[in-house]
C-alpha atoms as a PDB file:
ATOM      1  CA  MET A   1       4.990  35.212   2.063  1.00  0.00           C
ATOM      2  CA  SER A   2       4.964  33.095   5.141  1.00  0.00           C
ATOM      3  CA  GLY A   3       4.034  29.439   4.833  1.00  0.00           C
ATOM      4  CA  MET A   4       5.290  29.253   1.296  1.00  0.00           C
ATOM      5  CA  SER A   5       7.288  26.107   0.139  1.00  0.00           C
ATOM      6  CA  ASP A   6      10.743  26.379  -1.518  1.00  0.00           C
ATOM      7  CA  SER A   7       9.701  23.867  -4.151  1.00  0.00           C
ATOM      8  CA  TYR A   8       8.456  24.648  -7.666  1.00  0.00           C
ATOM      9  CA  THR A   9       6.216  22.833  -9.962  1.00  0.00           C
ATOM     10  CA  GLN A  10       5.431  23.105 -13.676  1.00  0.00           C
ATOM     11  CA  TYR A  11       1.838  22.972 -14.639  1.00  0.00           C
ATOM     12  CA  LEU A  12       1.008  22.223 -18.248  1.00  0.00           C
ATOM     13  CA  GLY A  13      -2.473  22.353 -19.817  1.00  0.00           C
ATOM     14  CA  PRO A  14      -2.948  20.249 -22.839  1.00  0.00           C
ATOM     15  CA  GLY A  15      -5.202  22.489 -24.843  1.00  0.00           C
ATOM     16  CA  ILE A  16      -6.087  26.042 -25.682  1.00  0.00           C
ATOM     17  CA  LYS A  17      -9.732  27.110 -26.275  1.00  0.00           C
ATOM     18  CA  VAL A  18     -10.691  30.555 -27.970  1.00  0.00           C
ATOM     19  CA  TYR A  19     -13.934  32.138 -27.298  1.00  0.00           C
ATOM     20  CA  GLU A  20     -15.965  34.548 -29.291  1.00  0.00           C
ATOM     21  CA  GLY A  21     -17.883  35.881 -26.254  1.00  0.00           C
ATOM     22  CA  ASP A  22     -16.996  36.787 -22.607  1.00  0.00           C
ATOM     23  CA  VAL A  23     -16.198  33.679 -20.584  1.00  0.00           C
ATOM     24  CA  ASN A  24     -15.076  34.116 -16.930  1.00  0.00           C
ATOM     25  CA  SER A  25     -13.161  30.924 -16.791  1.00  0.00           C
ATOM     26  CA  THR A  26     -12.655  27.514 -18.359  1.00  0.00           C
ATOM     27  CA  GLU A  27     -14.604  25.752 -15.799  1.00  0.00           C
ATOM     28  CA  SER A  28     -17.769  27.915 -16.615  1.00  0.00           C
ATOM     29  CA  ALA A  29     -17.747  26.977 -20.276  1.00  0.00           C
ATOM     30  CA  ASP A  30     -19.854  23.909 -20.821  1.00  0.00           C
ATOM     31  CA  ASP A  31     -18.561  23.378 -24.272  1.00  0.00           C
ATOM     32  CA  ILE A  32     -15.007  22.562 -23.155  1.00  0.00           C
ATOM     33  CA  PRO A  33     -14.153  18.905 -23.114  1.00  0.00           C
ATOM     34  CA  ARG A  34     -12.929  17.521 -19.718  1.00  0.00           C
ATOM     35  CA  GLN A  35      -9.262  17.107 -21.097  1.00  0.00           C
ATOM     36  CA  PHE A  36      -8.921  20.874 -21.599  1.00  0.00           C
ATOM     37  CA  ARG A  37      -9.473  21.503 -17.843  1.00  0.00           C
ATOM     38  CA  ASP A  38      -7.059  18.740 -16.817  1.00  0.00           C
ATOM     39  CA  VAL A  39      -3.581  19.904 -15.803  1.00  0.00           C
ATOM     40  CA  ILE A  40      -0.413  17.821 -15.896  1.00  0.00           C
ATOM     41  CA  SER A  41       1.979  18.703 -13.059  1.00  0.00           C
ATOM     42  CA  SER A  42       5.693  18.082 -12.793  1.00  0.00           C
ATOM     43  CA  PRO A  43       7.602  18.998  -9.720  1.00  0.00           C
ATOM     44  CA  CYS A  44      10.865  20.999 -10.339  1.00  0.00           C
ATOM     45  CA  LEU A  45      14.014  19.584  -8.848  1.00  0.00           C
ATOM     46  CA  THR A  46      16.249  22.525  -9.773  1.00  0.00           C
ATOM     47  CA  TYR A  47      16.188  25.525 -12.069  1.00  0.00           C
ATOM     48  CA  LYS A  48      18.482  28.278 -13.515  1.00  0.00           C
ATOM     49  CA  VAL A  49      17.767  31.532 -15.013  1.00  0.00           C
ATOM     50  CA  GLU A  50      20.049  33.477 -17.466  1.00  0.00           C
ATOM     51  CA  LYS A  51      19.776  36.846 -19.094  1.00  0.00           C
ATOM     52  CA  LEU A  52      21.744  37.348 -22.287  1.00  0.00           C
ATOM     53  CA  SER A  53      22.485  40.511 -24.399  1.00  0.00           C
ATOM     54  CA  MET A  54      23.268  39.233 -27.789  1.00  0.00           C
ATOM     55  CA  GLU A  55      24.328  40.983 -30.948  1.00  0.00           C
ATOM     56  CA  THR A  56      23.496  39.780 -34.509  1.00  0.00           C
ATOM     57  CA  GLY A  57      25.462  36.626 -35.202  1.00  0.00           C
ATOM     58  CA  ASP A  58      26.355  35.883 -31.580  1.00  0.00           C
ATOM     59  CA  THR A  59      25.767  32.329 -30.576  1.00  0.00           C
ATOM     60  CA  ARG A  60      25.461  30.880 -26.930  1.00  0.00           C
ATOM     61  CA  ASP A  61      25.375  27.423 -25.659  1.00  0.00           C
ATOM     62  CA  ILE A  62      22.706  26.909 -22.837  1.00  0.00           C
ATOM     63  CA  SER A  63      23.571  24.236 -20.305  1.00  0.00           C
ATOM     64  CA  PRO A  64      20.785  23.174 -18.129  1.00  0.00           C
ATOM     65  CA  MET A  65      21.678  21.099 -15.198  1.00  0.00           C
ATOM     66  CA  LEU A  66      20.426  17.901 -16.782  1.00  0.00           C
ATOM     67  CA  MET A  67      21.696  16.962 -20.404  1.00  0.00           C
ATOM     68  CA  GLY A  68      20.968  13.632 -21.742  1.00  0.00           C
ATOM     69  CA  ALA A  69      18.726  10.838 -20.255  1.00  0.00           C
ATOM     70  CA  SER A  70      19.851  10.847 -16.666  1.00  0.00           C
ATOM     71  CA  GLY A  71      16.694   8.825 -15.585  1.00  0.00           C
ATOM     72  CA  ASP A  72      13.395   7.910 -17.001  1.00  0.00           C
ATOM     73  CA  ASN A  73      11.706  10.333 -14.531  1.00  0.00           C
ATOM     74  CA  GLU A  74      13.753  13.332 -15.480  1.00  0.00           C
ATOM     75  CA  LYS A  75      13.167  15.868 -18.318  1.00  0.00           C
ATOM     76  CA  VAL A  76      14.448  19.282 -19.252  1.00  0.00           C
ATOM     77  CA  LEU A  77      12.160  22.324 -19.436  1.00  0.00           C
ATOM     78  CA  CYS A  78      13.520  25.339 -21.221  1.00  0.00           C
ATOM     79  CA  ILE A  79      11.561  28.569 -21.644  1.00  0.00           C
ATOM     80  CA  VAL A  80      13.252  31.274 -23.922  1.00  0.00           C
ATOM     81  CA  ASP A  81      11.834  34.832 -23.928  1.00  0.00           C
ATOM     82  CA  VAL A  82      13.240  37.076 -26.620  1.00  0.00           C
ATOM     83  CA  ILE A  83      13.087  40.819 -27.467  1.00  0.00           C
ATOM     84  CA  GLY A  84      14.661  40.668 -31.013  1.00  0.00           C
ATOM     85  CA  LYS A  85      14.990  37.712 -33.272  1.00  0.00           C
ATOM     86  CA  ILE A  86      16.773  34.493 -32.434  1.00  0.00           C
ATOM     87  CA  GLU A  87      17.024  30.812 -33.600  1.00  0.00           C
ATOM     88  CA  VAL A  88      17.284  27.935 -31.161  1.00  0.00           C
ATOM     89  CA  ASN A  89      19.004  24.778 -32.303  1.00  0.00           C
ATOM     90  CA  THR A  90      18.594  21.537 -30.148  1.00  0.00           C
ATOM     91  CA  ALA A  91      20.241  18.254 -30.497  1.00  0.00           C
ATOM     92  CA  GLY A  92      19.634  14.920 -28.730  1.00  0.00           C
ATOM     93  CA  ASP A  93      18.446  11.256 -29.019  1.00  0.00           C
ATOM     94  CA  ASP A  94      15.139   9.899 -29.866  1.00  0.00           C
ATOM     95  CA  PHE A  95      13.335   7.727 -27.402  1.00  0.00           C
ATOM     96  CA  ASP A  96      15.376   4.794 -28.491  1.00  0.00           C
ATOM     97  CA  ASP A  97      18.393   6.484 -26.796  1.00  0.00           C
ATOM     98  CA  SER A  98      20.440   6.182 -29.977  1.00  0.00           C
ATOM     99  CA  THR A  99      18.820   7.744 -33.068  1.00  0.00           C
ATOM    100  CA  PRO A 100      20.077  11.391 -33.215  1.00  0.00           C
ATOM    101  CA  VAL A 101      17.358  14.061 -33.597  1.00  0.00           C
ATOM    102  CA  ALA A 102      17.830  18.098 -34.125  1.00  0.00           C
ATOM    103  CA  GLY A 103      15.343  20.785 -33.921  1.00  0.00           C
ATOM    104  CA  ILE A 104      15.373  24.409 -35.093  1.00  0.00           C
ATOM    105  CA  SER A 105      13.076  26.989 -33.785  1.00  0.00           C
ATOM    106  CA  GLN A 106      12.771  30.772 -34.357  1.00  0.00           C
ATOM    107  CA  SER A 107      11.231  33.376 -32.153  1.00  0.00           C
ATOM    108  CA  TYR A 108      10.694  37.144 -32.670  1.00  0.00           C
ATOM    109  CA  GLY A 109       9.623  39.684 -30.046  1.00  0.00           C
ATOM    110  CA  THR A 110       9.285  43.169 -29.090  1.00  0.00           C
ATOM    111  CA  GLN A 111       9.373  44.932 -25.771  1.00  0.00           C
ATOM    112  CA  TYR A 112       5.569  45.005 -25.533  1.00  0.00           C
ATOM    113  CA  PHE A 113       5.011  41.365 -27.054  1.00  0.00           C
ATOM    114  CA  PRO A 114       8.159  39.386 -26.266  1.00  0.00           C
ATOM    115  CA  GLY A 115       8.557  36.165 -28.114  1.00  0.00           C
ATOM    116  CA  ARG A 116       8.438  32.917 -26.142  1.00  0.00           C
ATOM    117  CA  LEU A 117       9.504  29.282 -26.968  1.00  0.00           C
ATOM    118  CA  VAL A 118       8.844  26.610 -24.607  1.00  0.00           C
ATOM    119  CA  LEU A 119      10.753  23.275 -24.922  1.00  0.00           C
ATOM    120  CA  THR A 120      10.264  20.169 -22.638  1.00  0.00           C
ATOM    121  CA  THR A 121      12.218  17.398 -23.759  1.00  0.00           C
ATOM    122  CA  TYR A 122      13.899  14.118 -22.884  1.00  0.00           C
ATOM    123  CA  ASN A 123      17.417  13.058 -23.996  1.00  0.00           C
ATOM    124  CA  LEU A 124      18.524  16.590 -24.636  1.00  0.00           C
ATOM    125  CA  ASP A 125      22.320  16.915 -25.479  1.00  0.00           C
ATOM    126  CA  SER A 126      22.608  20.632 -26.475  1.00  0.00           C
ATOM    127  CA  ILE A 127      20.825  23.821 -26.769  1.00  0.00           C
ATOM    128  CA  GLU A 128      22.342  26.636 -28.924  1.00  0.00           C
ATOM    129  CA  ILE A 129      20.923  30.178 -29.320  1.00  0.00           C
ATOM    130  CA  GLU A 130      21.874  32.338 -32.329  1.00  0.00           C
ATOM    131  CA  ALA A 131      20.950  35.942 -32.521  1.00  0.00           C
ATOM    132  CA  LEU A 132      19.415  36.837 -35.922  1.00  0.00           C
ATOM    133  CA  ALA A 133      19.170  40.361 -34.732  1.00  0.00           C
ATOM    134  CA  ASP A 134      20.343  42.311 -31.682  1.00  0.00           C
ATOM    135  CA  SER A 135      18.435  40.651 -28.909  1.00  0.00           C
ATOM    136  CA  THR A 136      17.833  40.418 -25.195  1.00  0.00           C
ATOM    137  CA  VAL A 137      17.114  36.792 -24.196  1.00  0.00           C
ATOM    138  CA  THR A 138      15.994  35.373 -20.994  1.00  0.00           C
ATOM    139  CA  VAL A 139      16.503  31.611 -20.713  1.00  0.00           C
ATOM    140  CA  PHE A 140      14.880  29.681 -17.884  1.00  0.00           C
ATOM    141  CA  THR A 141      15.985  25.947 -17.523  1.00  0.00           C
ATOM    142  CA  ALA A 142      14.777  23.420 -15.202  1.00  0.00           C
ATOM    143  CA  VAL A 143      14.933  19.723 -14.255  1.00  0.00           C
ATOM    144  CA  LEU A 144      11.560  18.180 -13.937  1.00  0.00           C
ATOM    145  CA  VAL A 145      10.923  14.862 -12.123  1.00  0.00           C
ATOM    146  CA  SER A 146       8.052  12.586 -11.410  1.00  0.00           C
ATOM    147  CA  SER A 147       6.072  13.200  -8.143  1.00  0.00           C
ATOM    148  CA  THR A 148       7.390  10.129  -6.749  1.00  0.00           C
ATOM    149  CA  ASP A 149      11.045  11.063  -6.966  1.00  0.00           C
ATOM    150  CA  ALA A 150      12.912  10.341  -3.768  1.00  0.00           C
ATOM    151  CA  ARG A 151      14.835  13.579  -3.999  1.00  0.00           C
ATOM    152  CA  LEU A 152      11.758  15.723  -3.524  1.00  0.00           C
END
């Protein structure tokens, strides 16, 4: 498309609202608090997409371009889509930059309903994916920065 920018931005909505009836959009629903319509945006400095075919028991280290606290205005976004069953292990430091923290998340998905994990984090040191069953995994990693970053 002509006129399109080469830059990318993450948009994150802070809430989810489920309706019993037919609602055209969140803006048309009077009962949604203002904070559910607000959107947080984070410009994307760079990104990488990897597609992995994994057999049961396989492990893969995912290496986004930014690991660790490179700057207060940078963080890692990692989106993992899975057809099969996986476990994602993360390790890093807490906001004090010294206390180790670890996370374990599992995801399961089918061809028609893929599983999805969305991680956005600060001070990430490692991401490891383990296949708990034969799986096809697509991993999107990105470096997000503040809108005032001089590199944009």
